[in-house]
Amino acid sequence: MLETVPMNQTDPDRDCPLCPRLVAFREDHRRAEPSWYNAPVHTFGSLDARLLIIGLAPGLRGANRTGRPFTGDYAGDLLYQTLDRFGLSRGSFQARPDDGLELVDVAITNAVRCVPPQNKPVGAEIKACRPFLLNTIDAMQNLRAILVLGRIAHDTLLTTLERRRASYPFSHGGEHDLDGIRMFDSYHCSRYNTNTGVLTQAMFEAVFARIATHLG
């Protein structure tokens, strides 16, 4: 399956066929919600950026609806608010893809580009999408920092880069060197994590403060 993705392709095609379960789910929602985006969600931001943020997968009523990562659900509200605070965006975030928001020195993507049922991709789907993540990283020649949101994104990045997971344990606020690229860990900025106190705004901003220091 991995060999079917061209080496320079950073985003899946609109009708990407790699994952049958996700294709069926996508087709169901194209029929049920024809006004939604309902396709693999592409990376948002310039590949010339120094920071890459990696989430798990598009939310059903968030990025799958709007077509832009972390746009249209609570996780995006917290993420884009934090980007604005640290000067990593320009314009006004209004939770829609035509709001004119621009990212500054950052790109945002997901480990899995299609929305999975119940927000839970299976291992084969994560594996199938891995080449797009690798191609994205390879295309980012100025990349100096990667922020992974949640353990699955953390593990996916390590596997993509052929690193031994045990050597890079996940912890909120953790940092790891990946041959000159700094990896920063954070709990995912989901509503569940914030509602339960697993992640607070202060905790999230503390990670971004360390990224800002690293980037200078």
N, C-alpha and C. Protein backbone atom coordinates (compact mmCIF):
# COMPACT_ATOMS: atom_id res chain seq x y z
N MET A 1 0.83 -1.21 0.00
CA MET A 1 0.00 0.00 0.00
C MET A 1 0.86 1.25 0.00
N LEU A 2 1.97 1.24 0.75
CA LEU A 2 2.80 2.42 0.84
C LEU A 2 3.39 2.81 -0.51
N GLU A 3 3.65 1.83 -1.39
CA GLU A 3 4.29 2.12 -2.67
C GLU A 3 3.36 2.85 -3.64
N THR A 4 2.08 2.94 -3.33
CA THR A 4 1.15 3.57 -4.26
C THR A 4 1.19 5.09 -4.19
N VAL A 5 1.89 5.65 -3.22
CA VAL A 5 1.94 7.10 -3.05
C VAL A 5 3.23 7.64 -3.67
N PRO A 6 3.15 8.53 -4.65
CA PRO A 6 4.36 9.11 -5.25
C PRO A 6 5.22 9.81 -4.20
N MET A 7 6.51 9.81 -4.41
CA MET A 7 7.45 10.32 -3.40
C MET A 7 7.25 11.79 -3.09
N ASN A 8 6.75 12.57 -4.05
CA ASN A 8 6.61 14.01 -3.82
C ASN A 8 5.18 14.43 -3.49
N GLN A 9 4.27 13.49 -3.31
CA GLN A 9 2.87 13.84 -3.06
C GLN A 9 2.65 14.05 -1.56
N THR A 10 2.35 15.28 -1.17
CA THR A 10 2.21 15.61 0.25
C THR A 10 0.78 15.50 0.75
N ASP A 11 -0.20 15.46 -0.15
CA ASP A 11 -1.61 15.36 0.25
C ASP A 11 -2.32 14.33 -0.63
N PRO A 12 -3.27 13.60 -0.07
CA PRO A 12 -4.03 12.63 -0.88
C PRO A 12 -4.92 13.34 -1.89
N ASP A 13 -5.26 12.63 -2.95
CA ASP A 13 -6.24 13.14 -3.90
C ASP A 13 -7.63 13.16 -3.25
N ARG A 14 -8.53 13.91 -3.85
CA ARG A 14 -9.88 14.05 -3.27
C ARG A 14 -10.58 12.70 -3.12
N ASP A 15 -10.37 11.80 -4.05
CA ASP A 15 -11.01 10.49 -3.99
C ASP A 15 -10.00 9.39 -3.69
N CYS A 16 -9.09 9.67 -2.80
CA CYS A 16 -8.05 8.70 -2.41
C CYS A 16 -8.69 7.36 -2.06
N PRO A 17 -8.22 6.25 -2.65
CA PRO A 17 -8.85 4.95 -2.46
C PRO A 17 -8.15 4.06 -1.44
N LEU A 18 -7.14 4.55 -0.73
CA LEU A 18 -6.26 3.67 0.04
C LEU A 18 -6.95 2.93 1.20
N CYS A 19 -7.96 3.52 1.80
CA CYS A 19 -8.55 2.93 3.00
C CYS A 19 -10.05 2.66 2.78
N PRO A 20 -10.43 1.43 2.50
CA PRO A 20 -11.83 1.12 2.15
C PRO A 20 -12.84 1.60 3.20
N ARG A 21 -12.53 1.44 4.47
CA ARG A 21 -13.48 1.86 5.50
C ARG A 21 -13.68 3.36 5.48
N LEU A 22 -12.61 4.11 5.30
CA LEU A 22 -12.71 5.57 5.26
C LEU A 22 -13.38 6.05 3.98
N VAL A 23 -13.13 5.34 2.88
CA VAL A 23 -13.81 5.67 1.62
C VAL A 23 -15.32 5.51 1.78
N ALA A 24 -15.76 4.40 2.38
CA ALA A 24 -17.19 4.16 2.57
C ALA A 24 -17.80 5.22 3.48
N PHE A 25 -17.08 5.58 4.53
CA PHE A 25 -17.57 6.60 5.47
C PHE A 25 -17.68 7.94 4.76
N ARG A 26 -16.69 8.25 3.95
CA ARG A 26 -16.68 9.50 3.19
C ARG A 26 -17.85 9.55 2.21
N GLU A 27 -18.09 8.45 1.50
CA GLU A 27 -19.18 8.41 0.54
C GLU A 27 -20.53 8.54 1.22
N ASP A 28 -20.68 7.92 2.38
CA ASP A 28 -21.93 8.05 3.14
C ASP A 28 -22.21 9.51 3.47
N HIS A 29 -21.18 10.23 3.87
CA HIS A 29 -21.40 11.63 4.26
C HIS A 29 -21.51 12.56 3.06
N ARG A 30 -20.95 12.16 1.93
CA ARG A 30 -21.19 12.96 0.73
C ARG A 30 -22.66 12.91 0.34
N ARG A 31 -23.27 11.76 0.54
CA ARG A 31 -24.71 11.65 0.24
C ARG A 31 -25.55 12.35 1.30
N ALA A 32 -25.16 12.21 2.56
CA ALA A 32 -25.95 12.77 3.65
C ALA A 32 -25.77 14.28 3.79
N GLU A 33 -24.54 14.76 3.53
CA GLU A 33 -24.22 16.18 3.71
C GLU A 33 -23.47 16.69 2.48
N PRO A 34 -24.16 16.86 1.36
CA PRO A 34 -23.47 17.24 0.11
C PRO A 34 -22.80 18.61 0.16
N SER A 35 -23.16 19.45 1.10
CA SER A 35 -22.54 20.77 1.17
C SER A 35 -21.22 20.74 1.97
N TRP A 36 -20.92 19.63 2.62
CA TRP A 36 -19.69 19.52 3.39
C TRP A 36 -18.50 19.22 2.47
N TYR A 37 -17.31 19.39 2.99
CA TYR A 37 -16.09 19.12 2.23
C TYR A 37 -15.95 17.63 1.92
N ASN A 38 -16.03 16.78 2.94
CA ASN A 38 -16.08 15.31 2.78
C ASN A 38 -14.99 14.77 1.84
N ALA A 39 -13.73 15.05 2.17
CA ALA A 39 -12.59 14.60 1.37
C ALA A 39 -11.35 14.65 2.26
N PRO A 40 -10.24 14.05 1.81
CA PRO A 40 -9.00 14.18 2.58
C PRO A 40 -8.65 15.65 2.80
N VAL A 41 -8.33 15.99 4.03
CA VAL A 41 -8.05 17.39 4.38
C VAL A 41 -6.56 17.66 4.18
N HIS A 42 -6.26 18.64 3.37
CA HIS A 42 -4.87 18.96 3.05
C HIS A 42 -4.21 19.79 4.14
N THR A 43 -2.90 19.80 4.11
CA THR A 43 -2.11 20.60 5.04
C THR A 43 -2.44 22.08 4.84
N PHE A 44 -2.57 22.81 5.95
CA PHE A 44 -2.84 24.24 5.92
C PHE A 44 -1.55 24.97 6.30
N GLY A 45 -1.17 25.93 5.47
CA GLY A 45 0.04 26.70 5.73
C GLY A 45 1.12 26.39 4.72
N SER A 46 2.18 27.17 4.76
CA SER A 46 3.27 27.05 3.79
C SER A 46 4.24 25.95 4.19
N LEU A 47 4.70 25.20 3.20
CA LEU A 47 5.73 24.18 3.45
C LEU A 47 7.10 24.81 3.65
N ASP A 48 7.20 26.13 3.56
CA ASP A 48 8.43 26.83 3.90
C ASP A 48 8.52 27.13 5.39
N ALA A 49 7.49 26.79 6.16
CA ALA A 49 7.43 27.10 7.58
C ALA A 49 8.48 26.33 8.37
N ARG A 50 8.81 26.88 9.54
CA ARG A 50 9.76 26.21 10.43
C ARG A 50 9.09 25.31 11.46
N LEU A 51 7.77 25.46 11.63
CA LEU A 51 7.02 24.66 12.61
C LEU A 51 5.93 23.89 11.91
N LEU A 52 5.83 22.59 12.22
CA LEU A 52 4.74 21.75 11.74
C LEU A 52 3.97 21.22 12.93
N ILE A 53 2.65 21.37 12.90
CA ILE A 53 1.78 20.84 13.94
C ILE A 53 1.03 19.64 13.37
N ILE A 54 1.06 18.52 14.10
CA ILE A 54 0.44 17.29 13.63
C ILE A 54 -0.64 16.85 14.60
N GLY A 55 -1.89 16.77 14.11
CA GLY A 55 -2.98 16.20 14.88
C GLY A 55 -3.23 14.77 14.46
N LEU A 56 -4.33 14.21 14.94
CA LEU A 56 -4.62 12.81 14.62
C LEU A 56 -5.37 12.67 13.30
N ALA A 57 -6.57 13.26 13.22
CA ALA A 57 -7.42 13.10 12.04
C ALA A 57 -8.46 14.21 12.04
N PRO A 58 -9.07 14.51 10.90
CA PRO A 58 -10.12 15.53 10.86
C PRO A 58 -11.33 15.13 11.71
N GLY A 59 -11.93 16.10 12.34
CA GLY A 59 -13.18 15.86 13.04
C GLY A 59 -14.34 15.82 12.06
N LEU A 60 -15.34 15.02 12.38
CA LEU A 60 -16.46 14.84 11.45
C LEU A 60 -17.14 16.17 11.13
N ARG A 61 -17.46 16.94 12.15
CA ARG A 61 -18.15 18.23 11.94
C ARG A 61 -17.19 19.41 12.00
N GLY A 62 -15.90 19.10 12.08
CA GLY A 62 -14.88 20.14 12.04
C GLY A 62 -14.25 20.20 10.67
N ALA A 63 -13.01 19.70 10.57
CA ALA A 63 -12.29 19.79 9.30
C ALA A 63 -12.94 19.01 8.18
N ASN A 64 -13.60 17.89 8.48
CA ASN A 64 -14.28 17.16 7.41
C ASN A 64 -15.42 17.99 6.81
N ARG A 65 -16.00 18.85 7.60
CA ARG A 65 -17.08 19.72 7.11
C ARG A 65 -16.53 20.94 6.39
N THR A 66 -15.45 21.53 6.96
CA THR A 66 -14.97 22.81 6.44
C THR A 66 -13.83 22.67 5.43
N GLY A 67 -13.06 21.58 5.52
CA GLY A 67 -11.95 21.38 4.60
C GLY A 67 -10.65 21.99 5.04
N ARG A 68 -10.57 22.50 6.28
CA ARG A 68 -9.31 23.07 6.78
C ARG A 68 -9.01 22.46 8.14
N PRO A 69 -7.76 22.04 8.39
CA PRO A 69 -7.45 21.40 9.65
C PRO A 69 -7.88 22.22 10.86
N PHE A 70 -8.48 21.54 11.83
CA PHE A 70 -8.86 22.15 13.11
C PHE A 70 -9.78 23.36 12.94
N THR A 71 -10.64 23.30 11.97
CA THR A 71 -11.55 24.42 11.72
C THR A 71 -12.99 23.94 11.80
N GLY A 72 -13.72 24.48 12.77
CA GLY A 72 -15.12 24.13 12.91
C GLY A 72 -15.45 23.31 14.15
N ASP A 73 -14.45 23.09 15.02
CA ASP A 73 -14.73 22.39 16.27
C ASP A 73 -13.94 23.03 17.41
N TYR A 74 -14.17 22.57 18.63
CA TYR A 74 -13.57 23.23 19.79
C TYR A 74 -12.04 23.15 19.77
N ALA A 75 -11.50 22.03 19.36
CA ALA A 75 -10.05 21.88 19.35
C ALA A 75 -9.40 22.99 18.52
N GLY A 76 -10.04 23.34 17.41
CA GLY A 76 -9.52 24.41 16.58
C GLY A 76 -9.61 25.76 17.25
N ASP A 77 -10.67 25.99 18.00
CA ASP A 77 -10.81 27.27 18.70
C ASP A 77 -9.61 27.51 19.62
N LEU A 78 -9.25 26.49 20.38
CA LEU A 78 -8.12 26.63 21.30
C LEU A 78 -6.80 26.73 20.53
N LEU A 79 -6.64 25.92 19.51
CA LEU A 79 -5.38 25.94 18.76
C LEU A 79 -5.16 27.28 18.08
N TYR A 80 -6.16 27.77 17.35
CA TYR A 80 -5.96 29.01 16.61
C TYR A 80 -5.86 30.22 17.53
N GLN A 81 -6.54 30.18 18.66
CA GLN A 81 -6.39 31.25 19.66
C GLN A 81 -4.95 31.30 20.16
N THR A 82 -4.36 30.13 20.36
CA THR A 82 -2.99 30.08 20.85
C THR A 82 -2.00 30.51 19.77
N LEU A 83 -2.24 30.09 18.54
CA LEU A 83 -1.38 30.55 17.44
C LEU A 83 -1.38 32.07 17.34
N ASP A 84 -2.55 32.67 17.48
CA ASP A 84 -2.65 34.13 17.42
C ASP A 84 -1.85 34.78 18.55
N ARG A 85 -1.96 34.21 19.74
CA ARG A 85 -1.27 34.79 20.89
C ARG A 85 0.24 34.79 20.69
N PHE A 86 0.74 33.78 19.99
CA PHE A 86 2.19 33.67 19.80
C PHE A 86 2.66 34.20 18.45
N GLY A 87 1.82 34.95 17.77
CA GLY A 87 2.21 35.58 16.52
C GLY A 87 2.39 34.61 15.37
N LEU A 88 1.71 33.46 15.44
CA LEU A 88 1.85 32.45 14.41
C LEU A 88 0.69 32.46 13.42
N SER A 89 -0.15 33.46 13.50
CA SER A 89 -1.22 33.62 12.53
C SER A 89 -1.48 35.10 12.31
N ARG A 90 -2.15 35.39 11.22
CA ARG A 90 -2.44 36.78 10.85
C ARG A 90 -3.88 36.83 10.36
N GLY A 91 -4.67 37.75 10.89
CA GLY A 91 -6.07 37.85 10.52
C GLY A 91 -6.96 37.35 11.64
N SER A 92 -8.24 37.20 11.35
CA SER A 92 -9.22 36.82 12.36
C SER A 92 -9.75 35.42 12.10
N PHE A 93 -9.58 34.54 13.07
CA PHE A 93 -10.09 33.19 12.95
C PHE A 93 -11.59 33.19 13.24
N GLN A 94 -12.39 32.76 12.27
CA GLN A 94 -13.84 32.73 12.43
C GLN A 94 -14.40 31.34 12.15
N ALA A 95 -13.53 30.32 12.26
CA ALA A 95 -13.93 28.91 12.18
C ALA A 95 -14.55 28.54 10.84
N ARG A 96 -14.10 29.19 9.79
CA ARG A 96 -14.53 28.80 8.45
C ARG A 96 -13.36 29.03 7.49
N PRO A 97 -13.27 28.24 6.43
CA PRO A 97 -12.08 28.29 5.58
C PRO A 97 -11.93 29.57 4.76
N ASP A 98 -12.98 30.36 4.65
CA ASP A 98 -12.88 31.61 3.88
C ASP A 98 -12.77 32.83 4.79
N ASP A 99 -12.31 32.63 6.04
CA ASP A 99 -12.21 33.76 6.96
C ASP A 99 -10.97 34.63 6.72
N GLY A 100 -10.12 34.21 5.79
CA GLY A 100 -8.94 35.00 5.45
C GLY A 100 -7.75 34.79 6.38
N LEU A 101 -7.86 33.88 7.33
CA LEU A 101 -6.76 33.64 8.26
C LEU A 101 -5.54 33.12 7.52
N GLU A 102 -4.37 33.63 7.88
CA GLU A 102 -3.10 33.16 7.32
C GLU A 102 -2.21 32.68 8.46
N LEU A 103 -1.49 31.61 8.22
CA LEU A 103 -0.52 31.14 9.20
C LEU A 103 0.83 31.79 8.95
N VAL A 104 1.58 31.99 10.02
CA VAL A 104 2.89 32.63 9.95
C VAL A 104 3.94 31.65 10.45
N ASP A 105 4.76 31.14 9.55
CA ASP A 105 5.88 30.25 9.89
C ASP A 105 5.42 28.92 10.52
N VAL A 106 4.19 28.50 10.21
CA VAL A 106 3.67 27.25 10.75
C VAL A 106 2.76 26.60 9.72
N ALA A 107 2.77 25.28 9.68
CA ALA A 107 1.83 24.50 8.88
C ALA A 107 1.14 23.50 9.81
N ILE A 108 -0.10 23.15 9.46
CA ILE A 108 -0.89 22.24 10.29
C ILE A 108 -1.38 21.09 9.43
N THR A 109 -1.21 19.88 9.93
CA THR A 109 -1.66 18.71 9.19
C THR A 109 -2.16 17.66 10.17
N ASN A 110 -2.57 16.51 9.64
CA ASN A 110 -3.01 15.39 10.47
C ASN A 110 -2.28 14.13 10.06
N ALA A 111 -2.12 13.21 11.02
CA ALA A 111 -1.50 11.93 10.72
C ALA A 111 -2.35 11.14 9.73
N VAL A 112 -3.68 11.22 9.90
CA VAL A 112 -4.64 10.60 8.98
C VAL A 112 -5.45 11.73 8.36
N ARG A 113 -5.52 11.79 7.05
CA ARG A 113 -6.11 12.95 6.39
C ARG A 113 -7.62 12.85 6.19
N CYS A 114 -8.20 11.66 6.33
CA CYS A 114 -9.65 11.49 6.18
C CYS A 114 -10.30 11.27 7.54
N VAL A 115 -11.53 11.72 7.66
CA VAL A 115 -12.25 11.53 8.92
C VAL A 115 -12.55 10.04 9.12
N PRO A 116 -12.23 9.50 10.31
CA PRO A 116 -12.55 8.10 10.60
C PRO A 116 -13.83 7.99 11.43
N PRO A 117 -14.56 6.89 11.32
CA PRO A 117 -15.73 6.69 12.18
C PRO A 117 -15.34 6.80 13.65
N GLN A 118 -16.16 7.50 14.42
CA GLN A 118 -15.96 7.69 15.86
C GLN A 118 -14.61 8.32 16.19
N ASN A 119 -14.04 9.03 15.22
CA ASN A 119 -12.75 9.71 15.42
C ASN A 119 -11.62 8.76 15.78
N LYS A 120 -11.71 7.51 15.34
CA LYS A 120 -10.72 6.50 15.71
C LYS A 120 -10.21 5.76 14.48
N PRO A 121 -9.10 6.21 13.90
CA PRO A 121 -8.52 5.46 12.78
C PRO A 121 -7.90 4.16 13.29
N VAL A 122 -7.89 3.15 12.46
CA VAL A 122 -7.25 1.89 12.82
C VAL A 122 -5.82 1.88 12.30
N GLY A 123 -5.05 0.89 12.74
CA GLY A 123 -3.64 0.87 12.40
C GLY A 123 -3.35 0.88 10.92
N ALA A 124 -4.14 0.12 10.14
CA ALA A 124 -3.90 0.07 8.70
C ALA A 124 -4.13 1.43 8.05
N GLU A 125 -5.06 2.21 8.57
CA GLU A 125 -5.34 3.54 8.01
C GLU A 125 -4.23 4.52 8.34
N ILE A 126 -3.72 4.42 9.56
CA ILE A 126 -2.59 5.26 9.94
C ILE A 126 -1.38 4.93 9.07
N LYS A 127 -1.16 3.65 8.83
CA LYS A 127 -0.04 3.22 7.99
C LYS A 127 -0.20 3.70 6.55
N ALA A 128 -1.42 3.62 6.03
CA ALA A 128 -1.65 4.01 4.64
C ALA A 128 -1.39 5.49 4.41
N CYS A 129 -1.64 6.31 5.43
CA CYS A 129 -1.48 7.75 5.29
C CYS A 129 -0.06 8.21 5.62
N ARG A 130 0.74 7.32 6.16
CA ARG A 130 2.07 7.68 6.61
C ARG A 130 2.95 8.29 5.51
N PRO A 131 2.90 7.80 4.27
CA PRO A 131 3.74 8.41 3.23
C PRO A 131 3.45 9.88 2.99
N PHE A 132 2.19 10.30 3.15
CA PHE A 132 1.87 11.71 2.95
C PHE A 132 2.54 12.57 4.03
N LEU A 133 2.57 12.05 5.26
CA LEU A 133 3.25 12.77 6.33
C LEU A 133 4.75 12.84 6.07
N LEU A 134 5.33 11.73 5.66
CA LEU A 134 6.76 11.72 5.37
C LEU A 134 7.10 12.68 4.23
N ASN A 135 6.29 12.68 3.18
CA ASN A 135 6.53 13.59 2.05
C ASN A 135 6.39 15.04 2.46
N THR A 136 5.44 15.31 3.37
CA THR A 136 5.26 16.67 3.87
C THR A 136 6.50 17.12 4.63
N ILE A 137 7.00 16.27 5.51
CA ILE A 137 8.19 16.61 6.28
C ILE A 137 9.39 16.79 5.36
N ASP A 138 9.54 15.91 4.39
CA ASP A 138 10.66 16.02 3.46
C ASP A 138 10.61 17.31 2.64
N ALA A 139 9.39 17.78 2.37
CA ALA A 139 9.22 19.00 1.57
C ALA A 139 9.50 20.27 2.37
N MET A 140 9.51 20.17 3.70
CA MET A 140 9.69 21.34 4.55
C MET A 140 11.17 21.54 4.85
N GLN A 141 11.85 22.17 3.94
CA GLN A 141 13.30 22.31 4.03
C GLN A 141 13.75 23.22 5.18
N ASN A 142 12.86 24.08 5.68
CA ASN A 142 13.22 24.97 6.78
C ASN A 142 12.77 24.44 8.13
N LEU A 143 12.24 23.24 8.17
CA LEU A 143 11.62 22.70 9.38
C LEU A 143 12.61 22.62 10.54
N ARG A 144 12.20 23.18 11.68
CA ARG A 144 13.04 23.13 12.88
C ARG A 144 12.30 22.59 14.09
N ALA A 145 10.97 22.54 14.03
CA ALA A 145 10.21 22.06 15.19
C ALA A 145 8.93 21.38 14.72
N ILE A 146 8.56 20.31 15.42
CA ILE A 146 7.30 19.62 15.16
C ILE A 146 6.55 19.49 16.48
N LEU A 147 5.32 19.95 16.50
CA LEU A 147 4.45 19.78 17.66
C LEU A 147 3.46 18.68 17.36
N VAL A 148 3.47 17.62 18.17
CA VAL A 148 2.51 16.53 17.99
C VAL A 148 1.45 16.63 19.07
N LEU A 149 0.20 16.52 18.65
CA LEU A 149 -0.94 16.65 19.55
C LEU A 149 -1.49 15.27 19.88
N GLY A 150 -1.07 14.73 21.00
CA GLY A 150 -1.56 13.44 21.44
C GLY A 150 -0.59 12.30 21.16
N ARG A 151 -0.79 11.22 21.90
CA ARG A 151 0.13 10.09 21.81
C ARG A 151 0.13 9.41 20.44
N ILE A 152 -1.04 9.28 19.81
CA ILE A 152 -1.07 8.59 18.52
C ILE A 152 -0.29 9.37 17.47
N ALA A 153 -0.46 10.68 17.45
CA ALA A 153 0.32 11.50 16.53
C ALA A 153 1.82 11.39 16.84
N HIS A 154 2.15 11.36 18.11
CA HIS A 154 3.54 11.18 18.56
C HIS A 154 4.11 9.87 18.02
N ASP A 155 3.38 8.77 18.25
CA ASP A 155 3.86 7.46 17.80
C ASP A 155 3.93 7.38 16.28
N THR A 156 2.96 7.99 15.61
CA THR A 156 2.94 7.97 14.15
C THR A 156 4.15 8.69 13.57
N LEU A 157 4.49 9.83 14.15
CA LEU A 157 5.66 10.56 13.67
C LEU A 157 6.92 9.72 13.84
N LEU A 158 7.08 9.09 14.99
CA LEU A 158 8.28 8.29 15.23
C LEU A 158 8.37 7.12 14.26
N THR A 159 7.25 6.45 14.03
CA THR A 159 7.25 5.34 13.08
C THR A 159 7.55 5.83 11.67
N THR A 160 6.98 6.97 11.30
CA THR A 160 7.22 7.55 9.98
C THR A 160 8.70 7.83 9.77
N LEU A 161 9.36 8.30 10.83
CA LEU A 161 10.79 8.63 10.74
C LEU A 161 11.68 7.45 11.12
N GLU A 162 11.06 6.29 11.29
CA GLU A 162 11.77 5.05 11.60
C GLU A 162 12.58 5.17 12.88
N ARG A 163 11.92 5.72 13.90
CA ARG A 163 12.54 5.83 15.22
C ARG A 163 11.92 4.82 16.18
N ARG A 164 12.71 4.37 17.13
CA ARG A 164 12.25 3.42 18.15
C ARG A 164 11.42 4.17 19.19
N ARG A 165 10.16 3.81 19.29
CA ARG A 165 9.25 4.56 20.17
C ARG A 165 9.73 4.61 21.61
N ALA A 166 10.26 3.50 22.09
CA ALA A 166 10.69 3.45 23.49
C ALA A 166 11.77 4.46 23.82
N SER A 167 12.48 4.91 22.81
CA SER A 167 13.55 5.89 23.03
C SER A 167 13.03 7.32 23.11
N TYR A 168 11.76 7.50 22.77
CA TYR A 168 11.15 8.85 22.76
C TYR A 168 9.79 8.79 23.45
N PRO A 169 9.75 8.66 24.76
CA PRO A 169 8.47 8.51 25.46
C PRO A 169 7.61 9.76 25.36
N PHE A 170 6.31 9.54 25.27
CA PHE A 170 5.38 10.67 25.19
C PHE A 170 5.06 11.21 26.58
N SER A 171 5.08 12.52 26.71
CA SER A 171 4.61 13.17 27.93
C SER A 171 4.26 14.60 27.57
N HIS A 172 3.22 15.14 28.18
CA HIS A 172 2.88 16.52 27.89
C HIS A 172 4.05 17.42 28.27
N GLY A 173 4.47 18.26 27.33
CA GLY A 173 5.61 19.14 27.56
C GLY A 173 6.94 18.49 27.27
N GLY A 174 6.91 17.23 26.85
CA GLY A 174 8.16 16.54 26.53
C GLY A 174 8.80 17.08 25.26
N GLU A 175 10.10 16.95 25.18
CA GLU A 175 10.85 17.39 24.01
C GLU A 175 11.86 16.31 23.63
N HIS A 176 12.06 16.15 22.33
CA HIS A 176 13.02 15.17 21.83
C HIS A 176 13.73 15.73 20.61
N ASP A 177 15.01 15.45 20.48
CA ASP A 177 15.76 15.87 19.31
C ASP A 177 15.70 14.80 18.23
N LEU A 178 15.34 15.19 17.03
CA LEU A 178 15.28 14.28 15.89
C LEU A 178 16.24 14.78 14.81
N ASP A 179 17.51 14.63 15.09
CA ASP A 179 18.54 15.05 14.13
C ASP A 179 18.37 16.49 13.69
N GLY A 180 18.30 17.38 14.65
CA GLY A 180 18.22 18.81 14.36
C GLY A 180 16.83 19.38 14.32
N ILE A 181 15.83 18.52 14.28
CA ILE A 181 14.43 18.97 14.39
C ILE A 181 13.95 18.64 15.79
N ARG A 182 13.38 19.63 16.46
CA ARG A 182 12.93 19.43 17.84
C ARG A 182 11.47 19.00 17.84
N MET A 183 11.21 17.90 18.51
CA MET A 183 9.84 17.37 18.63
C MET A 183 9.27 17.79 19.99
N PHE A 184 8.11 18.41 19.96
CA PHE A 184 7.43 18.85 21.18
C PHE A 184 6.13 18.07 21.33
N ASP A 185 5.88 17.57 22.54
CA ASP A 185 4.67 16.80 22.82
C ASP A 185 3.65 17.63 23.57
N SER A 186 2.38 17.45 23.20
CA SER A 186 1.29 18.05 23.97
C SER A 186 0.10 17.10 23.96
N TYR A 187 -0.64 17.13 25.04
CA TYR A 187 -1.94 16.46 24.99
C TYR A 187 -2.76 17.12 23.88
N HIS A 188 -3.64 16.35 23.28
CA HIS A 188 -4.47 16.90 22.22
C HIS A 188 -5.42 17.95 22.79
N CYS A 189 -5.65 19.01 22.02
CA CYS A 189 -6.48 20.13 22.49
C CYS A 189 -7.96 19.86 22.23
N SER A 190 -8.40 18.66 22.53
CA SER A 190 -9.80 18.29 22.32
C SER A 190 -10.68 18.82 23.45
N ARG A 191 -11.97 18.90 23.17
CA ARG A 191 -12.91 19.34 24.19
C ARG A 191 -12.88 18.40 25.40
N TYR A 192 -12.77 17.10 25.14
CA TYR A 192 -12.74 16.13 26.23
C TYR A 192 -11.56 16.41 27.17
N ASN A 193 -10.39 16.62 26.60
CA ASN A 193 -9.21 16.85 27.44
C ASN A 193 -9.31 18.15 28.22
N THR A 194 -9.87 19.19 27.61
CA THR A 194 -9.98 20.45 28.33
C THR A 194 -11.11 20.42 29.36
N ASN A 195 -12.21 19.76 29.03
CA ASN A 195 -13.33 19.67 29.98
C ASN A 195 -12.96 18.86 31.21
N THR A 196 -12.11 17.86 31.05
CA THR A 196 -11.73 17.00 32.17
C THR A 196 -10.50 17.52 32.90
N GLY A 197 -9.90 18.59 32.42
CA GLY A 197 -8.74 19.15 33.08
C GLY A 197 -7.43 18.47 32.72
N VAL A 198 -7.48 17.52 31.79
CA VAL A 198 -6.24 16.88 31.35
C VAL A 198 -5.31 17.92 30.71
N LEU A 199 -5.91 18.85 29.97
CA LEU A 199 -5.16 19.93 29.34
C LEU A 199 -5.84 21.25 29.66
N THR A 200 -5.08 22.19 30.17
CA THR A 200 -5.58 23.54 30.42
C THR A 200 -4.97 24.49 29.39
N GLN A 201 -5.57 25.65 29.27
CA GLN A 201 -5.02 26.65 28.35
C GLN A 201 -3.60 27.01 28.73
N ALA A 202 -3.34 27.12 30.03
CA ALA A 202 -1.99 27.47 30.49
C ALA A 202 -0.99 26.39 30.12
N MET A 203 -1.39 25.13 30.24
CA MET A 203 -0.51 24.02 29.86
C MET A 203 -0.19 24.05 28.38
N PHE A 204 -1.21 24.33 27.59
CA PHE A 204 -1.04 24.37 26.14
C PHE A 204 -0.13 25.52 25.74
N GLU A 205 -0.35 26.67 26.34
CA GLU A 205 0.46 27.84 26.01
C GLU A 205 1.91 27.66 26.46
N ALA A 206 2.13 26.92 27.54
CA ALA A 206 3.49 26.69 28.01
C ALA A 206 4.31 25.92 26.97
N VAL A 207 3.67 24.99 26.27
CA VAL A 207 4.37 24.27 25.21
C VAL A 207 4.74 25.22 24.08
N PHE A 208 3.81 26.08 23.71
CA PHE A 208 4.09 27.04 22.64
C PHE A 208 5.17 28.03 23.04
N ALA A 209 5.23 28.37 24.30
CA ALA A 209 6.28 29.27 24.75
C ALA A 209 7.64 28.64 24.56
N ARG A 210 7.76 27.35 24.81
CA ARG A 210 9.03 26.66 24.62
C ARG A 210 9.37 26.53 23.13
N ILE A 211 8.34 26.33 22.31
CA ILE A 211 8.58 26.29 20.87
C ILE A 211 9.09 27.66 20.39
N ALA A 212 8.46 28.71 20.88
CA ALA A 212 8.89 30.07 20.49
C ALA A 212 10.34 30.33 20.88
N THR A 213 10.72 29.85 22.05
CA THR A 213 12.11 30.02 22.49
C THR A 213 13.05 29.23 21.57
N HIS A 214 12.65 28.04 21.22
CA HIS A 214 13.47 27.21 20.34
C HIS A 214 13.65 27.85 18.96
N LEU A 215 12.58 28.41 18.44
CA LEU A 215 12.63 29.02 17.11
C LEU A 215 13.31 30.39 17.12
N GLY A 216 13.42 30.97 18.32
CA GLY A 216 14.09 32.27 18.43
C GLY A 216 13.27 33.39 17.86
